[in-house]
N, C-alpha and C. Protein backbone atom coordinates (compact mmCIF):
# COMPACT_ATOMS: atom_id res chain seq x y z
N MET A 1 -7.48 3.68 -26.17
CA MET A 1 -7.39 2.16 -25.87
C MET A 1 -8.30 2.17 -24.42
N PRO A 2 -9.43 1.65 -24.21
CA PRO A 2 -10.01 1.43 -23.00
C PRO A 2 -9.02 1.10 -21.83
N TYR A 3 -9.27 1.50 -20.53
CA TYR A 3 -8.47 1.07 -19.39
C TYR A 3 -9.06 -0.27 -18.96
N ILE A 4 -8.11 -1.24 -18.62
CA ILE A 4 -8.41 -2.58 -18.28
C ILE A 4 -8.52 -2.57 -16.44
N GLU A 5 -9.15 -2.87 -15.99
CA GLU A 5 -9.44 -2.94 -14.42
C GLU A 5 -8.73 -4.21 -13.89
N ARG A 6 -7.67 -4.03 -13.08
CA ARG A 6 -6.96 -4.92 -12.66
C ARG A 6 -7.63 -5.22 -11.14
N ALA A 7 -7.37 -6.86 -11.02
CA ALA A 7 -7.92 -7.29 -9.74
C ALA A 7 -7.25 -6.86 -8.42
N LEU A 8 -6.08 -6.31 -8.60
CA LEU A 8 -5.31 -5.79 -7.32
C LEU A 8 -5.87 -4.42 -7.08
N GLU A 9 -6.76 -3.57 -7.72
CA GLU A 9 -7.21 -2.34 -7.58
C GLU A 9 -7.56 -2.17 -6.20
N ARG A 10 -8.72 -3.04 -5.73
CA ARG A 10 -9.51 -3.17 -4.58
C ARG A 10 -8.39 -3.27 -3.46
N LYS A 11 -7.45 -4.30 -3.49
CA LYS A 11 -6.50 -4.44 -2.62
C LYS A 11 -5.59 -3.20 -2.38
N PHE A 12 -5.15 -2.57 -3.51
CA PHE A 12 -4.42 -1.34 -3.34
C PHE A 12 -5.21 -0.29 -2.67
N LEU A 13 -6.20 -0.02 -3.27
CA LEU A 13 -7.11 1.28 -2.38
C LEU A 13 -7.45 1.08 -0.77
N ARG A 14 -7.47 -0.19 -0.67
CA ARG A 14 -7.74 -0.30 0.82
C ARG A 14 -6.49 -0.28 1.73
N MET A 15 -5.20 -0.66 0.95
CA MET A 15 -4.22 -0.58 1.79
C MET A 15 -3.97 0.91 1.70
N SER A 16 -4.22 1.60 0.46
CA SER A 16 -3.72 3.02 0.78
C SER A 16 -4.49 3.79 1.42
N SER A 17 -5.61 3.46 1.99
CA SER A 17 -6.58 4.03 3.05
C SER A 17 -5.63 3.93 4.32
N PHE A 18 -5.10 2.91 4.47
CA PHE A 18 -4.40 2.77 6.06
C PHE A 18 -3.08 3.19 6.16
N PHE A 19 -2.27 3.02 4.83
CA PHE A 19 -0.90 3.36 4.87
C PHE A 19 -0.57 4.77 3.94
N LYS A 20 0.28 5.71 4.39
CA LYS A 20 0.67 6.75 3.63
C LYS A 20 1.55 6.33 2.20
N VAL A 21 2.26 4.99 2.28
CA VAL A 21 3.29 4.55 1.20
C VAL A 21 2.75 2.96 0.72
N VAL A 22 2.31 2.91 -0.38
CA VAL A 22 2.23 1.75 -0.90
C VAL A 22 3.18 1.17 -1.89
N LEU A 23 3.92 0.21 -1.72
CA LEU A 23 4.72 -0.42 -2.82
C LEU A 23 4.24 -1.36 -3.80
N VAL A 24 4.27 -1.08 -4.88
CA VAL A 24 3.77 -2.44 -5.68
C VAL A 24 4.74 -2.62 -6.51
N THR A 25 4.96 -4.24 -6.49
CA THR A 25 6.00 -4.66 -7.36
C THR A 25 5.20 -5.77 -8.03
N GLY A 26 5.93 -6.47 -8.95
CA GLY A 26 5.39 -7.50 -9.98
C GLY A 26 6.47 -7.69 -11.24
N ALA A 27 5.65 -8.65 -11.72
CA ALA A 27 6.33 -9.03 -13.24
C ALA A 27 6.24 -7.85 -13.92
N ARG A 28 7.23 -7.77 -15.12
CA ARG A 28 7.04 -6.79 -16.07
C ARG A 28 6.35 -6.66 -16.99
N GLN A 29 5.49 -5.58 -17.57
CA GLN A 29 4.48 -5.32 -18.30
C GLN A 29 3.14 -5.98 -18.10
N VAL A 30 2.78 -5.75 -16.99
CA VAL A 30 1.56 -6.50 -16.43
C VAL A 30 0.37 -5.35 -15.99
N GLY A 31 0.82 -3.87 -16.30
CA GLY A 31 -0.18 -2.78 -15.88
C GLY A 31 0.12 -2.14 -14.48
N LYS A 32 1.26 -2.63 -14.05
CA LYS A 32 1.27 -1.76 -12.69
C LYS A 32 1.37 -0.10 -12.63
N ILE A 33 2.00 0.14 -13.60
CA ILE A 33 2.43 1.84 -13.71
C ILE A 33 0.92 2.45 -14.10
N THR A 34 0.39 1.59 -15.29
CA THR A 34 -0.83 2.21 -15.65
C THR A 34 -2.28 1.92 -14.66
N MET A 35 -2.02 0.98 -13.82
CA MET A 35 -2.98 0.94 -12.71
C MET A 35 -2.81 2.25 -11.77
N LEU A 36 -1.93 2.20 -11.32
CA LEU A 36 -1.17 3.51 -10.28
C LEU A 36 -1.64 4.76 -10.75
N LYS A 37 -1.59 4.81 -11.94
CA LYS A 37 -1.47 6.14 -12.65
C LYS A 37 -3.13 6.56 -12.82
N HIS A 38 -3.85 5.41 -13.14
CA HIS A 38 -5.25 5.47 -13.22
C HIS A 38 -5.92 5.64 -11.87
N LEU A 39 -5.42 5.32 -10.74
CA LEU A 39 -6.02 5.20 -9.36
C LEU A 39 -5.44 6.61 -9.20
N ALA A 40 -4.45 7.25 -9.26
CA ALA A 40 -4.39 8.57 -8.79
C ALA A 40 -4.80 9.74 -9.32
N GLU A 41 -5.50 9.66 -10.58
CA GLU A 41 -6.19 10.70 -11.26
C GLU A 41 -7.23 11.36 -10.18
N GLY A 42 -7.09 12.68 -9.89
CA GLY A 42 -7.90 13.28 -9.04
C GLY A 42 -7.77 13.07 -7.78
N GLN A 43 -6.67 12.52 -7.07
CA GLN A 43 -6.44 12.19 -5.83
C GLN A 43 -4.93 12.93 -5.35
N ASN A 44 -4.81 12.90 -4.30
CA ASN A 44 -3.62 13.55 -3.70
C ASN A 44 -2.91 12.71 -3.43
N ARG A 45 -2.27 11.93 -4.50
CA ARG A 45 -1.33 10.86 -4.37
C ARG A 45 0.00 11.19 -5.09
N THR A 46 1.08 10.72 -4.94
CA THR A 46 2.38 10.78 -5.86
C THR A 46 2.76 9.49 -6.23
N TYR A 47 3.43 9.33 -7.46
CA TYR A 47 3.81 8.43 -7.99
C TYR A 47 5.22 8.19 -8.45
N ILE A 48 6.07 7.46 -7.69
CA ILE A 48 7.60 7.68 -7.95
C ILE A 48 7.91 6.12 -8.44
N SER A 49 8.59 6.39 -9.58
CA SER A 49 9.25 5.09 -9.94
C SER A 49 10.52 4.86 -9.37
N MET A 50 11.15 3.62 -8.91
CA MET A 50 12.50 3.43 -8.47
C MET A 50 13.09 3.04 -9.74
N ASP A 51 12.97 2.93 -10.75
CA ASP A 51 13.74 2.97 -12.08
C ASP A 51 14.55 4.35 -12.22
N ASN A 52 14.00 5.50 -11.74
CA ASN A 52 14.82 6.75 -11.70
C ASN A 52 15.88 6.54 -10.56
N ILE A 53 17.25 6.68 -11.24
CA ILE A 53 18.43 6.46 -10.51
C ILE A 53 18.13 7.25 -9.32
N MET A 54 18.11 8.46 -9.58
CA MET A 54 18.21 9.56 -8.24
C MET A 54 17.31 9.26 -7.31
N ALA A 55 15.96 8.91 -7.82
CA ALA A 55 15.09 8.60 -6.74
C ALA A 55 15.43 7.30 -5.90
N ARG A 56 15.82 6.46 -6.68
CA ARG A 56 16.27 5.11 -5.98
C ARG A 56 17.77 5.46 -4.94
N THR A 57 18.54 6.12 -5.29
CA THR A 57 19.75 6.34 -4.69
C THR A 57 19.01 7.10 -3.26
N LEU A 58 18.61 8.05 -3.48
CA LEU A 58 17.89 9.05 -2.44
C LEU A 58 17.46 8.02 -1.30
N ALA A 59 16.48 7.48 -1.83
CA ALA A 59 15.70 6.46 -1.01
C ALA A 59 16.54 5.56 -0.43
N GLN A 60 17.79 5.10 -0.85
CA GLN A 60 18.69 4.12 -0.05
C GLN A 60 19.48 4.78 0.90
N THR A 61 19.91 6.32 0.48
CA THR A 61 20.84 6.77 1.56
C THR A 61 20.23 7.75 2.56
N ASP A 62 18.90 8.17 2.13
CA ASP A 62 18.55 9.12 3.16
C ASP A 62 17.15 9.11 3.12
N PRO A 63 16.12 8.04 3.46
CA PRO A 63 14.86 7.70 3.50
C PRO A 63 14.29 8.65 3.71
N VAL A 64 14.50 9.41 5.09
CA VAL A 64 13.71 10.54 5.74
C VAL A 64 13.59 11.58 4.51
N LEU A 65 14.74 12.02 4.12
CA LEU A 65 14.51 13.11 2.94
C LEU A 65 13.73 12.57 1.86
N PHE A 66 13.96 11.33 1.31
CA PHE A 66 13.27 10.84 0.04
C PHE A 66 11.48 10.94 0.42
N PHE A 67 11.27 10.53 1.60
CA PHE A 67 9.89 10.76 2.10
C PHE A 67 9.21 12.16 2.30
N GLN A 68 10.13 12.97 2.52
CA GLN A 68 9.64 14.27 2.75
C GLN A 68 9.71 15.11 1.50
N THR A 69 10.61 14.63 0.43
CA THR A 69 10.36 15.43 -0.78
C THR A 69 8.93 14.84 -1.82
């Protein structure tokens, strides 16, 4: 299936050039993960989902360690 370009891509790329961390939120099933994984290909970026309970807990309890890891 071909990739569908999202309108948010330009804004995300612009924000990610200014900030080390960019949070993307929104409605379910609109392509957020697909877009992030597509844009991360070939880049030195890490994708982390807060659906992962361990990642979310670490971010809440020790944000410094969360960003270091």
